[in-house]
Amino acid sequence: MLVRLRSYLPTAALALLIVYFAVHAFTGEQGLLSSNQRDATLIEKTRELADLQGQRQDLEKRARLLRDTSLSADLLEERARSLLGFADPRDYVIRTKP
Protein backbone atom coordinates (compact mmCIF):
# COMPACT_ATOMS: atom_id res chain seq x y z
CA MET A 1 0.00 0.00 0.00
CA LEU A 2 2.79 2.46 0.90
CA VAL A 3 4.68 1.65 -2.30
CA ARG A 4 1.56 2.33 -4.30
CA LEU A 5 1.11 5.80 -2.70
CA ARG A 6 4.77 6.69 -3.31
CA SER A 7 4.32 6.21 -7.03
CA TYR A 8 1.52 8.81 -7.08
CA LEU A 9 3.34 11.34 -4.88
CA PRO A 10 5.25 13.16 -7.69
CA THR A 11 2.08 13.33 -9.79
CA ALA A 12 0.09 14.76 -6.87
CA ALA A 13 2.83 17.31 -6.12
CA LEU A 14 2.88 18.39 -9.78
CA ALA A 15 -0.93 18.67 -9.82
CA LEU A 16 -0.89 20.85 -6.69
CA LEU A 17 1.80 23.04 -8.24
CA ILE A 18 -0.28 23.47 -11.41
CA VAL A 19 -3.38 24.34 -9.36
CA TYR A 20 -1.38 26.86 -7.31
CA PHE A 21 -0.14 28.69 -10.40
CA ALA A 22 -3.55 28.51 -12.08
CA VAL A 23 -5.25 30.14 -9.07
CA HIS A 24 -2.68 32.93 -9.04
CA ALA A 25 -3.01 33.40 -12.80
CA PHE A 26 -6.70 34.16 -12.33
CA THR A 27 -6.81 35.95 -8.97
CA GLY A 28 -3.35 37.46 -8.53
CA GLU A 29 -2.40 41.12 -8.74
CA GLN A 30 -1.74 40.82 -12.48
CA GLY A 31 -4.34 38.07 -12.96
CA LEU A 32 -7.04 37.72 -15.55
CA LEU A 33 -9.84 38.63 -13.15
CA SER A 34 -8.25 41.96 -12.25
CA SER A 35 -8.15 43.17 -15.86
CA ASN A 36 -11.39 45.17 -15.43
CA GLN A 37 -9.80 47.10 -12.58
CA ARG A 38 -6.69 47.75 -14.68
CA ASP A 39 -8.85 48.94 -17.57
CA ALA A 40 -10.77 51.34 -15.30
CA THR A 41 -7.50 52.68 -13.88
CA LEU A 42 -6.13 53.12 -17.41
CA ILE A 43 -9.22 55.11 -18.47
CA GLU A 44 -8.98 57.31 -15.36
CA LYS A 45 -5.26 57.97 -15.88
CA THR A 46 -5.86 58.74 -19.58
CA ARG A 47 -8.43 61.39 -18.61
CA GLU A 48 -6.05 62.82 -16.02
CA LEU A 49 -3.28 62.96 -18.64
CA ALA A 50 -5.55 64.83 -21.06
CA ASP A 51 -6.44 67.36 -18.35
CA LEU A 52 -2.78 67.88 -17.45
CA GLN A 53 -1.82 68.29 -21.10
CA GLY A 54 -4.51 70.95 -21.47
CA GLN A 55 -3.22 72.78 -18.40
CA ARG A 56 0.33 72.58 -19.72
CA GLN A 57 -0.68 74.02 -23.10
CA ASP A 58 -2.46 76.89 -21.35
CA LEU A 59 0.58 77.62 -19.17
CA GLU A 60 2.92 77.46 -22.18
CA LYS A 61 0.68 79.89 -24.06
CA ARG A 62 0.62 82.29 -21.12
CA ALA A 63 4.40 82.02 -20.68
CA ARG A 64 4.88 82.72 -24.39
CA LEU A 65 2.85 85.93 -24.01
CA LEU A 66 5.09 87.09 -21.15
CA ARG A 67 8.34 86.80 -23.14
CA ASP A 68 10.17 89.91 -24.26
CA THR A 69 9.61 89.24 -27.94
CA SER A 70 5.81 89.04 -27.68
CA LEU A 71 4.83 90.85 -24.50
CA SER A 72 1.09 91.20 -24.00
CA ALA A 73 0.28 94.37 -22.06
CA ASP A 74 -3.05 93.01 -20.83
CA LEU A 75 -1.53 89.80 -19.52
CA LEU A 76 1.34 91.69 -17.91
CA GLU A 77 -1.09 94.03 -16.16
CA GLU A 78 -3.23 91.10 -15.02
CA ARG A 79 -0.23 89.26 -13.56
CA ALA A 80 1.13 92.41 -11.87
CA ARG A 81 -2.21 93.15 -10.24
CA SER A 82 -2.59 89.54 -9.16
CA LEU A 83 0.88 89.28 -7.63
CA LEU A 84 0.84 92.71 -5.97
CA GLY A 85 -2.76 92.51 -4.85
CA PHE A 86 -3.81 95.80 -6.46
CA ALA A 87 -7.05 96.52 -8.27
CA ASP A 88 -8.51 99.51 -10.04
CA PRO A 89 -11.28 101.17 -7.99
CA ARG A 90 -13.70 100.51 -10.87
CA ASP A 91 -12.89 96.77 -10.99
CA TYR A 92 -15.01 94.07 -9.51
CA VAL A 93 -12.73 91.62 -7.72
CA ILE A 94 -13.89 88.06 -7.23
CA ARG A 95 -11.45 85.97 -5.23
CA THR A 96 -11.28 82.25 -5.79
CA LYS A 97 -9.10 79.58 -4.25
CA PRO A 98 -5.99 78.85 -6.31
PDB file of N, CA and C in Angstrom:
ATOM      1  N   MET A   1       0.814  -1.188   0.000  1.00  0.00           N
ATOM      2  CA  MET A   1       0.000   0.000   0.000  1.00  0.00           C
ATOM      3  C   MET A   1       0.868   1.266   0.000  1.00  0.00           C
ATOM      4  N   LEU A   2       1.903   1.320   0.822  1.00  0.00           N
ATOM      5  CA  LEU A   2       2.795   2.460   0.904  1.00  0.00           C
ATOM      6  C   LEU A   2       3.561   2.663  -0.392  1.00  0.00           C
ATOM      7  N   VAL A   3       3.945   1.568  -1.030  1.00  0.00           N
ATOM      8  CA  VAL A   3       4.675   1.652  -2.297  1.00  0.00           C
ATOM      9  C   VAL A   3       3.757   2.234  -3.379  1.00  0.00           C
ATOM     10  N   ARG A   4       2.513   1.837  -3.322  1.00  0.00           N
ATOM     11  CA  ARG A   4       1.562   2.330  -4.302  1.00  0.00           C
ATOM     12  C   ARG A   4       1.338   3.844  -4.152  1.00  0.00           C
ATOM     13  N   LEU A   5       1.277   4.375  -2.937  1.00  0.00           N
ATOM     14  CA  LEU A   5       1.115   5.804  -2.699  1.00  0.00           C
ATOM     15  C   LEU A   5       2.361   6.592  -3.116  1.00  0.00           C
ATOM     16  N   ARG A   6       3.539   6.007  -2.928  1.00  0.00           N
ATOM     17  CA  ARG A   6       4.773   6.692  -3.311  1.00  0.00           C
ATOM     18  C   ARG A   6       4.848   6.895  -4.822  1.00  0.00           C
ATOM     19  N   SER A   7       4.263   6.039  -5.573  1.00  0.00           N
ATOM     20  CA  SER A   7       4.317   6.208  -7.027  1.00  0.00           C
ATOM     21  C   SER A   7       3.427   7.372  -7.494  1.00  0.00           C
ATOM     22  N   TYR A   8       2.402   7.697  -6.729  1.00  0.00           N
ATOM     23  CA  TYR A   8       1.521   8.811  -7.078  1.00  0.00           C
ATOM     24  C   TYR A   8       1.960  10.143  -6.455  1.00  0.00           C
ATOM     25  N   LEU A   9       2.910  10.134  -5.573  1.00  0.00           N
ATOM     26  CA  LEU A   9       3.337  11.340  -4.877  1.00  0.00           C
ATOM     27  C   LEU A   9       3.892  12.411  -5.827  1.00  0.00           C
ATOM     28  N   PRO A  10       4.786  12.111  -6.775  1.00  0.00           N
ATOM     29  CA  PRO A  10       5.251  13.157  -7.693  1.00  0.00           C
ATOM     30  C   PRO A  10       4.128  13.723  -8.570  1.00  0.00           C
ATOM     31  N   THR A  11       3.204  12.872  -8.977  1.00  0.00           N
ATOM     32  CA  THR A  11       2.076  13.331  -9.794  1.00  0.00           C
ATOM     33  C   THR A  11       1.176  14.257  -8.984  1.00  0.00           C
ATOM     34  N   ALA A  12       0.928  13.921  -7.736  1.00  0.00           N
ATOM     35  CA  ALA A  12       0.095  14.757  -6.874  1.00  0.00           C
ATOM     36  C   ALA A  12       0.779  16.098  -6.598  1.00  0.00           C
ATOM     37  N   ALA A  13       2.095  16.070  -6.374  1.00  0.00           N
ATOM     38  CA  ALA A  13       2.825  17.311  -6.121  1.00  0.00           C
ATOM     39  C   ALA A  13       2.780  18.207  -7.361  1.00  0.00           C
ATOM     40  N   LEU A  14       2.945  17.627  -8.535  1.00  0.00           N
ATOM     41  CA  LEU A  14       2.880  18.391  -9.776  1.00  0.00           C
ATOM     42  C   LEU A  14       1.477  18.961  -9.991  1.00  0.00           C
ATOM     43  N   ALA A  15       0.452  18.196  -9.685  1.00  0.00           N
ATOM     44  CA  ALA A  15      -0.931  18.667  -9.824  1.00  0.00           C
ATOM     45  C   ALA A  15      -1.195  19.839  -8.876  1.00  0.00           C
ATOM     46  N   LEU A  16      -0.717  19.749  -7.644  1.00  0.00           N
ATOM     47  CA  LEU A  16      -0.893  20.847  -6.691  1.00  0.00           C
ATOM     48  C   LEU A  16      -0.151  22.112  -7.154  1.00  0.00           C
ATOM     49  N   LEU A  17       1.025  21.916  -7.725  1.00  0.00           N
ATOM     50  CA  LEU A  17       1.797  23.043  -8.244  1.00  0.00           C
ATOM     51  C   LEU A  17       1.067  23.713  -9.411  1.00  0.00           C
ATOM     52  N   ILE A  18       0.487  22.924 -10.283  1.00  0.00           N
ATOM     53  CA  ILE A  18      -0.279  23.466 -11.409  1.00  0.00           C
ATOM     54  C   ILE A  18      -1.504  24.225 -10.907  1.00  0.00           C
ATOM     55  N   VAL A  19      -2.205  23.677  -9.928  1.00  0.00           N
ATOM     56  CA  VAL A  19      -3.378  24.335  -9.358  1.00  0.00           C
ATOM     57  C   VAL A  19      -2.977  25.656  -8.697  1.00  0.00           C
ATOM     58  N   TYR A  20      -1.858  25.644  -7.980  1.00  0.00           N
ATOM     59  CA  TYR A  20      -1.376  26.859  -7.312  1.00  0.00           C
ATOM     60  C   TYR A  20      -1.137  27.982  -8.330  1.00  0.00           C
ATOM     61  N   PHE A  21      -0.423  27.677  -9.399  1.00  0.00           N
ATOM     62  CA  PHE A  21      -0.139  28.695 -10.404  1.00  0.00           C
ATOM     63  C   PHE A  21      -1.395  29.105 -11.172  1.00  0.00           C
ATOM     64  N   ALA A  22      -2.302  28.180 -11.385  1.00  0.00           N
ATOM     65  CA  ALA A  22      -3.551  28.515 -12.078  1.00  0.00           C
ATOM     66  C   ALA A  22      -4.396  29.476 -11.248  1.00  0.00           C
ATOM     67  N   VAL A  23      -4.477  29.246  -9.949  1.00  0.00           N
ATOM     68  CA  VAL A  23      -5.248  30.135  -9.073  1.00  0.00           C
ATOM     69  C   VAL A  23      -4.639  31.535  -9.095  1.00  0.00           C
ATOM     70  N   HIS A  24      -3.316  31.609  -9.024  1.00  0.00           N
ATOM     71  CA  HIS A  24      -2.677  32.925  -9.041  1.00  0.00           C
ATOM     72  C   HIS A  24      -2.771  33.591 -10.420  1.00  0.00           C
ATOM     73  N   ALA A  25      -2.846  32.819 -11.463  1.00  0.00           N
ATOM     74  CA  ALA A  25      -3.014  33.398 -12.799  1.00  0.00           C
ATOM     75  C   ALA A  25      -4.375  34.077 -12.940  1.00  0.00           C
ATOM     76  N   PHE A  26      -5.359  33.570 -12.257  1.00  0.00           N
ATOM     77  CA  PHE A  26      -6.698  34.161 -12.329  1.00  0.00           C
ATOM     78  C   PHE A  26      -6.927  35.247 -11.285  1.00  0.00           C
ATOM     79  N   THR A  27      -6.452  35.049 -10.066  1.00  0.00           N
ATOM     80  CA  THR A  27      -6.810  35.953  -8.967  1.00  0.00           C
ATOM     81  C   THR A  27      -5.668  36.812  -8.474  1.00  0.00           C
ATOM     82  N   GLY A  28      -4.496  36.693  -9.005  1.00  0.00           N
ATOM     83  CA  GLY A  28      -3.355  37.458  -8.528  1.00  0.00           C
ATOM     84  C   GLY A  28      -3.444  38.931  -8.893  1.00  0.00           C
ATOM     85  N   GLU A  29      -2.427  39.678  -8.489  1.00  0.00           N
ATOM     86  CA  GLU A  29      -2.403  41.125  -8.743  1.00  0.00           C
ATOM     87  C   GLU A  29      -2.428  41.432 -10.233  1.00  0.00           C
ATOM     88  N   GLN A  30      -1.753  40.648 -11.026  1.00  0.00           N
ATOM     89  CA  GLN A  30      -1.738  40.818 -12.484  1.00  0.00           C
ATOM     90  C   GLN A  30      -2.608  39.766 -13.171  1.00  0.00           C
ATOM     91  N   GLY A  31      -3.538  39.171 -12.450  1.00  0.00           N
ATOM     92  CA  GLY A  31      -4.341  38.068 -12.959  1.00  0.00           C
ATOM     93  C   GLY A  31      -5.407  38.484 -13.953  1.00  0.00           C
ATOM     94  N   LEU A  32      -6.018  37.488 -14.537  1.00  0.00           N
ATOM     95  CA  LEU A  32      -7.042  37.721 -15.554  1.00  0.00           C
ATOM     96  C   LEU A  32      -8.296  38.370 -14.990  1.00  0.00           C
ATOM     97  N   LEU A  33      -8.626  38.069 -13.742  1.00  0.00           N
ATOM     98  CA  LEU A  33      -9.845  38.631 -13.154  1.00  0.00           C
ATOM     99  C   LEU A  33      -9.675  40.086 -12.726  1.00  0.00           C
ATOM    100  N   SER A  34      -8.466  40.568 -12.633  1.00  0.00           N
ATOM    101  CA  SER A  34      -8.249  41.961 -12.251  1.00  0.00           C
ATOM    102  C   SER A  34      -8.073  42.866 -13.474  1.00  0.00           C
ATOM    103  N   SER A  35      -8.323  42.352 -14.651  1.00  0.00           N
ATOM    104  CA  SER A  35      -8.147  43.166 -15.862  1.00  0.00           C
ATOM    105  C   SER A  35      -9.171  44.292 -15.940  1.00  0.00           C
ATOM    106  N   ASN A  36     -10.374  44.099 -15.423  1.00  0.00           N
ATOM    107  CA  ASN A  36     -11.386  45.170 -15.428  1.00  0.00           C
ATOM    108  C   ASN A  36     -10.924  46.349 -14.581  1.00  0.00           C
ATOM    109  N   GLN A  37     -10.319  46.041 -13.452  1.00  0.00           N
ATOM    110  CA  GLN A  37      -9.804  47.098 -12.582  1.00  0.00           C
ATOM    111  C   GLN A  37      -8.664  47.842 -13.267  1.00  0.00           C
ATOM    112  N   ARG A  38      -7.792  47.109 -13.950  1.00  0.00           N
ATOM    113  CA  ARG A  38      -6.688  47.752 -14.680  1.00  0.00           C
ATOM    114  C   ARG A  38      -7.224  48.627 -15.803  1.00  0.00           C
ATOM    115  N   ASP A  39      -8.259  48.158 -16.498  1.00  0.00           N
ATOM    116  CA  ASP A  39      -8.854  48.944 -17.572  1.00  0.00           C
ATOM    117  C   ASP A  39      -9.470  50.242 -17.035  1.00  0.00           C
ATOM    118  N   ALA A  40     -10.164  50.151 -15.897  1.00  0.00           N
ATOM    119  CA  ALA A  40     -10.765  51.343 -15.295  1.00  0.00           C
ATOM    120  C   ALA A  40      -9.687  52.325 -14.858  1.00  0.00           C
ATOM    121  N   THR A  41      -8.607  51.815 -14.294  1.00  0.00           N
ATOM    122  CA  THR A  41      -7.499  52.678 -13.882  1.00  0.00           C
ATOM    123  C   THR A  41      -6.858  53.330 -15.096  1.00  0.00           C
ATOM    124  N   LEU A  42      -6.719  52.581 -16.183  1.00  0.00           N
ATOM    125  CA  LEU A  42      -6.134  53.125 -17.407  1.00  0.00           C
ATOM    126  C   LEU A  42      -6.995  54.249 -17.975  1.00  0.00           C
ATOM    127  N   ILE A  43      -8.303  54.071 -17.974  1.00  0.00           N
ATOM    128  CA  ILE A  43      -9.216  55.108 -18.470  1.00  0.00           C
ATOM    129  C   ILE A  43      -9.112  56.363 -17.604  1.00  0.00           C
ATOM    130  N   GLU A  44      -9.082  56.173 -16.278  1.00  0.00           N
ATOM    131  CA  GLU A  44      -8.976  57.310 -15.355  1.00  0.00           C
ATOM    132  C   GLU A  44      -7.662  58.061 -15.560  1.00  0.00           C
ATOM    133  N   LYS A  45      -6.572  57.331 -15.691  1.00  0.00           N
ATOM    134  CA  LYS A  45      -5.260  57.966 -15.884  1.00  0.00           C
ATOM    135  C   LYS A  45      -5.169  58.651 -17.246  1.00  0.00           C
ATOM    136  N   THR A  46      -5.844  58.109 -18.259  1.00  0.00           N
ATOM    137  CA  THR A  46      -5.862  58.742 -19.576  1.00  0.00           C
ATOM    138  C   THR A  46      -6.584  60.083 -19.513  1.00  0.00           C
ATOM    139  N   ARG A  47      -7.700  60.124 -18.789  1.00  0.00           N
ATOM    140  CA  ARG A  47      -8.431  61.392 -18.611  1.00  0.00           C
ATOM    141  C   ARG A  47      -7.577  62.407 -17.856  1.00  0.00           C
ATOM    142  N   GLU A  48      -6.918  61.937 -16.803  1.00  0.00           N
ATOM    143  CA  GLU A  48      -6.054  62.818 -16.023  1.00  0.00           C
ATOM    144  C   GLU A  48      -4.915  63.372 -16.885  1.00  0.00           C
ATOM    145  N   LEU A  49      -4.351  62.517 -17.734  1.00  0.00           N
ATOM    146  CA  LEU A  49      -3.283  62.955 -18.636  1.00  0.00           C
ATOM    147  C   LEU A  49      -3.786  64.026 -19.602  1.00  0.00           C
ATOM    148  N   ALA A  50      -4.984  63.835 -20.139  1.00  0.00           N
ATOM    149  CA  ALA A  50      -5.552  64.827 -21.063  1.00  0.00           C
ATOM    150  C   ALA A  50      -5.761  66.159 -20.356  1.00  0.00           C
ATOM    151  N   ASP A  51      -6.251  66.129 -19.108  1.00  0.00           N
ATOM    152  CA  ASP A  51      -6.436  67.363 -18.345  1.00  0.00           C
ATOM    153  C   ASP A  51      -5.101  68.066 -18.104  1.00  0.00           C
ATOM    154  N   LEU A  52      -4.098  67.292 -17.719  1.00  0.00           N
ATOM    155  CA  LEU A  52      -2.783  67.877 -17.449  1.00  0.00           C
ATOM    156  C   LEU A  52      -2.146  68.442 -18.715  1.00  0.00           C
ATOM    157  N   GLN A  53      -2.356  67.774 -19.838  1.00  0.00           N
ATOM    158  CA  GLN A  53      -1.816  68.289 -21.096  1.00  0.00           C
ATOM    159  C   GLN A  53      -2.493  69.606 -21.475  1.00  0.00           C
ATOM    160  N   GLY A  54      -3.792  69.702 -21.221  1.00  0.00           N
ATOM    161  CA  GLY A  54      -4.509  70.955 -21.475  1.00  0.00           C
ATOM    162  C   GLY A  54      -3.994  72.080 -20.594  1.00  0.00           C
ATOM    163  N   GLN A  55      -3.766  71.782 -19.317  1.00  0.00           N
ATOM    164  CA  GLN A  55      -3.215  72.783 -18.402  1.00  0.00           C
ATOM    165  C   GLN A  55      -1.822  73.217 -18.847  1.00  0.00           C
ATOM    166  N   ARG A  56      -1.030  72.259 -19.281  1.00  0.00           N
ATOM    167  CA  ARG A  56       0.335  72.583 -19.723  1.00  0.00           C
ATOM    168  C   ARG A  56       0.301  73.494 -20.957  1.00  0.00           C
ATOM    169  N   GLN A  57      -0.579  73.177 -21.910  1.00  0.00           N
ATOM    170  CA  GLN A  57      -0.678  74.021 -23.100  1.00  0.00           C
ATOM    171  C   GLN A  57      -1.098  75.441 -22.732  1.00  0.00           C
ATOM    172  N   ASP A  58      -2.021  75.569 -21.786  1.00  0.00           N
ATOM    173  CA  ASP A  58      -2.457  76.889 -21.348  1.00  0.00           C
ATOM    174  C   ASP A  58      -1.300  77.647 -20.692  1.00  0.00           C
ATOM    175  N   LEU A  59      -0.554  76.967 -19.826  1.00  0.00           N
ATOM    176  CA  LEU A  59       0.582  77.615 -19.172  1.00  0.00           C
ATOM    177  C   LEU A  59       1.671  77.995 -20.171  1.00  0.00           C
ATOM    178  N   GLU A  60       1.925  77.132 -21.156  1.00  0.00           N
ATOM    179  CA  GLU A  60       2.923  77.456 -22.179  1.00  0.00           C
ATOM    180  C   GLU A  60       2.496  78.667 -23.002  1.00  0.00           C
ATOM    181  N   LYS A  61       1.188  78.745 -23.298  1.00  0.00           N
ATOM    182  CA  LYS A  61       0.680  79.885 -24.057  1.00  0.00           C
ATOM    183  C   LYS A  61       0.824  81.173 -23.259  1.00  0.00           C
ATOM    184  N   ARG A  62       0.499  81.109 -21.974  1.00  0.00           N
ATOM    185  CA  ARG A  62       0.617  82.295 -21.119  1.00  0.00           C
ATOM    186  C   ARG A  62       2.078  82.701 -20.947  1.00  0.00           C
ATOM    187  N   ALA A  63       2.973  81.721 -20.816  1.00  0.00           N
ATOM    188  CA  ALA A  63       4.401  82.022 -20.681  1.00  0.00           C
ATOM    189  C   ALA A  63       4.936  82.644 -21.966  1.00  0.00           C
ATOM    190  N   ARG A  64       4.461  82.171 -23.104  1.00  0.00           N
ATOM    191  CA  ARG A  64       4.883  82.724 -24.388  1.00  0.00           C
ATOM    192  C   ARG A  64       4.476  84.192 -24.499  1.00  0.00           C
ATOM    193  N   LEU A  65       3.314  84.544 -23.955  1.00  0.00           N
ATOM    194  CA  LEU A  65       2.855  85.928 -24.012  1.00  0.00           C
ATOM    195  C   LEU A  65       3.647  86.846 -23.080  1.00  0.00           C
ATOM    196  N   LEU A  66       4.310  86.289 -22.083  1.00  0.00           N
ATOM    197  CA  LEU A  66       5.092  87.095 -21.149  1.00  0.00           C
ATOM    198  C   LEU A  66       6.546  87.264 -21.580  1.00  0.00           C
ATOM    199  N   ARG A  67       6.951  86.654 -22.670  1.00  0.00           N
ATOM    200  CA  ARG A  67       8.336  86.802 -23.138  1.00  0.00           C
ATOM    201  C   ARG A  67       8.559  88.192 -23.711  1.00  0.00           C
ATOM    202  N   ASP A  68       9.820  88.576 -23.759  1.00  0.00           N
ATOM    203  CA  ASP A  68      10.173  89.915 -24.255  1.00  0.00           C
ATOM    204  C   ASP A  68       9.771  90.121 -25.706  1.00  0.00           C
ATOM    205  N   THR A  69       9.878  89.091 -26.513  1.00  0.00           N
ATOM    206  CA  THR A  69       9.608  89.241 -27.939  1.00  0.00           C
ATOM    207  C   THR A  69       8.130  89.438 -28.240  1.00  0.00           C
ATOM    208  N   SER A  70       7.242  88.901 -27.412  1.00  0.00           N
ATOM    209  CA  SER A  70       5.806  89.038 -27.676  1.00  0.00           C
ATOM    210  C   SER A  70       5.070  89.365 -26.386  1.00  0.00           C
ATOM    211  N   LEU A  71       5.402  90.472 -25.790  1.00  0.00           N
ATOM    212  CA  LEU A  71       4.834  90.853 -24.503  1.00  0.00           C
ATOM    213  C   LEU A  71       3.408  91.367 -24.685  1.00  0.00           C
ATOM    214  N   SER A  72       2.485  90.775 -23.967  1.00  0.00           N
ATOM    215  CA  SER A  72       1.089  91.202 -24.003  1.00  0.00           C
ATOM    216  C   SER A  72       0.854  92.143 -22.822  1.00  0.00           C
ATOM    217  N   ALA A  73       0.472  93.364 -23.115  1.00  0.00           N
ATOM    218  CA  ALA A  73       0.275  94.368 -22.058  1.00  0.00           C
ATOM    219  C   ALA A  73      -0.861  93.969 -21.122  1.00  0.00           C
ATOM    220  N   ASP A  74      -1.919  93.416 -21.664  1.00  0.00           N
ATOM    221  CA  ASP A  74      -3.054  93.011 -20.833  1.00  0.00           C
ATOM    222  C   ASP A  74      -2.662  91.895 -19.867  1.00  0.00           C
ATOM    223  N   LEU A  75      -1.944  90.910 -20.380  1.00  0.00           N
ATOM    224  CA  LEU A  75      -1.534  89.803 -19.518  1.00  0.00           C
ATOM    225  C   LEU A  75      -0.535  90.277 -18.473  1.00  0.00           C
ATOM    226  N   LEU A  76       0.374  91.162 -18.858  1.00  0.00           N
ATOM    227  CA  LEU A  76       1.342  91.691 -17.911  1.00  0.00           C
ATOM    228  C   LEU A  76       0.644  92.466 -16.794  1.00  0.00           C
ATOM    229  N   GLU A  77      -0.344  93.270 -17.167  1.00  0.00           N
ATOM    230  CA  GLU A  77      -1.086  94.028 -16.160  1.00  0.00           C
ATOM    231  C   GLU A  77      -1.867  93.090 -15.238  1.00  0.00           C
ATOM    232  N   GLU A  78      -2.470  92.077 -15.820  1.00  0.00           N
ATOM    233  CA  GLU A  78      -3.230  91.101 -15.020  1.00  0.00           C
ATOM    234  C   GLU A  78      -2.319  90.403 -14.009  1.00  0.00           C
ATOM    235  N   ARG A  79      -1.158  89.963 -14.458  1.00  0.00           N
ATOM    236  CA  ARG A  79      -0.226  89.264 -13.562  1.00  0.00           C
ATOM    237  C   ARG A  79       0.306  90.192 -12.477  1.00  0.00           C
ATOM    238  N   ALA A  80       0.623  91.446 -12.852  1.00  0.00           N
ATOM    239  CA  ALA A  80       1.132  92.405 -11.870  1.00  0.00           C
ATOM    240  C   ALA A  80       0.089  92.690 -10.806  1.00  0.00           C
ATOM    241  N   ARG A  81      -1.142  92.894 -11.219  1.00  0.00           N
ATOM    242  CA  ARG A  81      -2.210  93.149 -10.244  1.00  0.00           C
ATOM    243  C   ARG A  81      -2.436  91.938  -9.344  1.00  0.00           C
ATOM    244  N   SER A  82      -2.366  90.765  -9.930  1.00  0.00           N
ATOM    245  CA  SER A  82      -2.588  89.542  -9.158  1.00  0.00           C
ATOM    246  C   SER A  82      -1.482  89.334  -8.124  1.00  0.00           C
ATOM    247  N   LEU A  83      -0.244  89.520  -8.541  1.00  0.00           N
ATOM    248  CA  LEU A  83       0.880  89.285  -7.634  1.00  0.00           C
ATOM    249  C   LEU A  83       0.990  90.368  -6.565  1.00  0.00           C
ATOM    250  N   LEU A  84       0.713  91.617  -6.924  1.00  0.00           N
ATOM    251  CA  LEU A  84       0.844  92.707  -5.974  1.00  0.00           C
ATOM    252  C   LEU A  84      -0.418  92.940  -5.154  1.00  0.00           C
ATOM    253  N   GLY A  85      -1.520  92.374  -5.603  1.00  0.00           N
ATOM    254  CA  GLY A  85      -2.764  92.512  -4.853  1.00  0.00           C
ATOM    255  C   GLY A  85      -3.464  93.840  -5.063  1.00  0.00           C
ATOM    256  N   PHE A  86      -3.178  94.515  -6.161  1.00  0.00           N
ATOM    257  CA  PHE A  86      -3.815  95.796  -6.457  1.00  0.00           C
ATOM    258  C   PHE A  86      -4.990  95.593  -7.414  1.00  0.00           C
ATOM    259  N   ALA A  87      -5.916  96.536  -7.340  1.00  0.00           N
ATOM    260  CA  ALA A  87      -7.045  96.522  -8.268  1.00  0.00           C
ATOM    261  C   ALA A  87      -7.458  97.963  -8.535  1.00  0.00           C
ATOM    262  N   ASP A  88      -7.987  98.195  -9.686  1.00  0.00           N
ATOM    263  CA  ASP A  88      -8.509  99.506 -10.038  1.00  0.00           C
ATOM    264  C   ASP A  88      -9.793  99.720  -9.237  1.00  0.00           C
ATOM    265  N   PRO A  89     -10.057 100.933  -8.778  1.00  0.00           N
ATOM    266  CA  PRO A  89     -11.276 101.166  -7.992  1.00  0.00           C
ATOM    267  C   PRO A  89     -12.553 100.820  -8.749  1.00  0.00           C
ATOM    268  N   ARG A  90     -12.505 100.827 -10.080  1.00  0.00           N
ATOM    269  CA  ARG A  90     -13.699 100.505 -10.871  1.00  0.00           C
ATOM    270  C   ARG A  90     -13.844  99.018 -11.143  1.00  0.00           C
ATOM    271  N   ASP A  91     -12.852  98.223 -10.730  1.00  0.00           N
ATOM    272  CA  ASP A  91     -12.886  96.775 -10.994  1.00  0.00           C
ATOM    273  C   ASP A  91     -13.724  96.051  -9.945  1.00  0.00           C
ATOM    274  N   TYR A  92     -14.358  95.001 -10.404  1.00  0.00           N
ATOM    275  CA  TYR A  92     -15.015  94.072  -9.505  1.00  0.00           C
ATOM    276  C   TYR A  92     -14.045  92.916  -9.280  1.00  0.00           C
ATOM    277  N   VAL A  93     -13.708  92.667  -8.040  1.00  0.00           N
ATOM    278  CA  VAL A  93     -12.730  91.622  -7.722  1.00  0.00           C
ATOM    279  C   VAL A  93     -13.467  90.446  -7.102  1.00  0.00           C
ATOM    280  N   ILE A  94     -13.296  89.300  -7.730  1.00  0.00           N
ATOM    281  CA  ILE A  94     -13.889  88.059  -7.227  1.00  0.00           C
ATOM    282  C   ILE A  94     -12.730  87.124  -6.905  1.00  0.00           C
ATOM    283  N   ARG A  95     -12.571  86.827  -5.654  1.00  0.00           N
ATOM    284  CA  ARG A  95     -11.451  85.973  -5.228  1.00  0.00           C
ATOM    285  C   ARG A  95     -11.895  84.506  -5.242  1.00  0.00           C
ATOM    286  N   THR A  96     -11.042  83.694  -5.773  1.00  0.00           N
ATOM    287  CA  THR A  96     -11.276  82.246  -5.792  1.00  0.00           C
ATOM    288  C   THR A  96     -10.054  81.568  -5.200  1.00  0.00           C
ATOM    289  N   LYS A  97     -10.247  80.342  -4.775  1.00  0.00           N
ATOM    290  CA  LYS A  97      -9.103  79.581  -4.251  1.00  0.00           C
ATOM    291  C   LYS A  97      -8.211  79.182  -5.410  1.00  0.00           C
ATOM    292  N   PRO A  98      -6.888  79.223  -5.212  1.00  0.00           N
ATOM    293  CA  PRO A  98      -5.989  78.846  -6.315  1.00  0.00           C
ATOM    294  C   PRO A  98      -6.049  77.377  -6.635  1.00  0.00           C
TER     295      PRO A  98
END
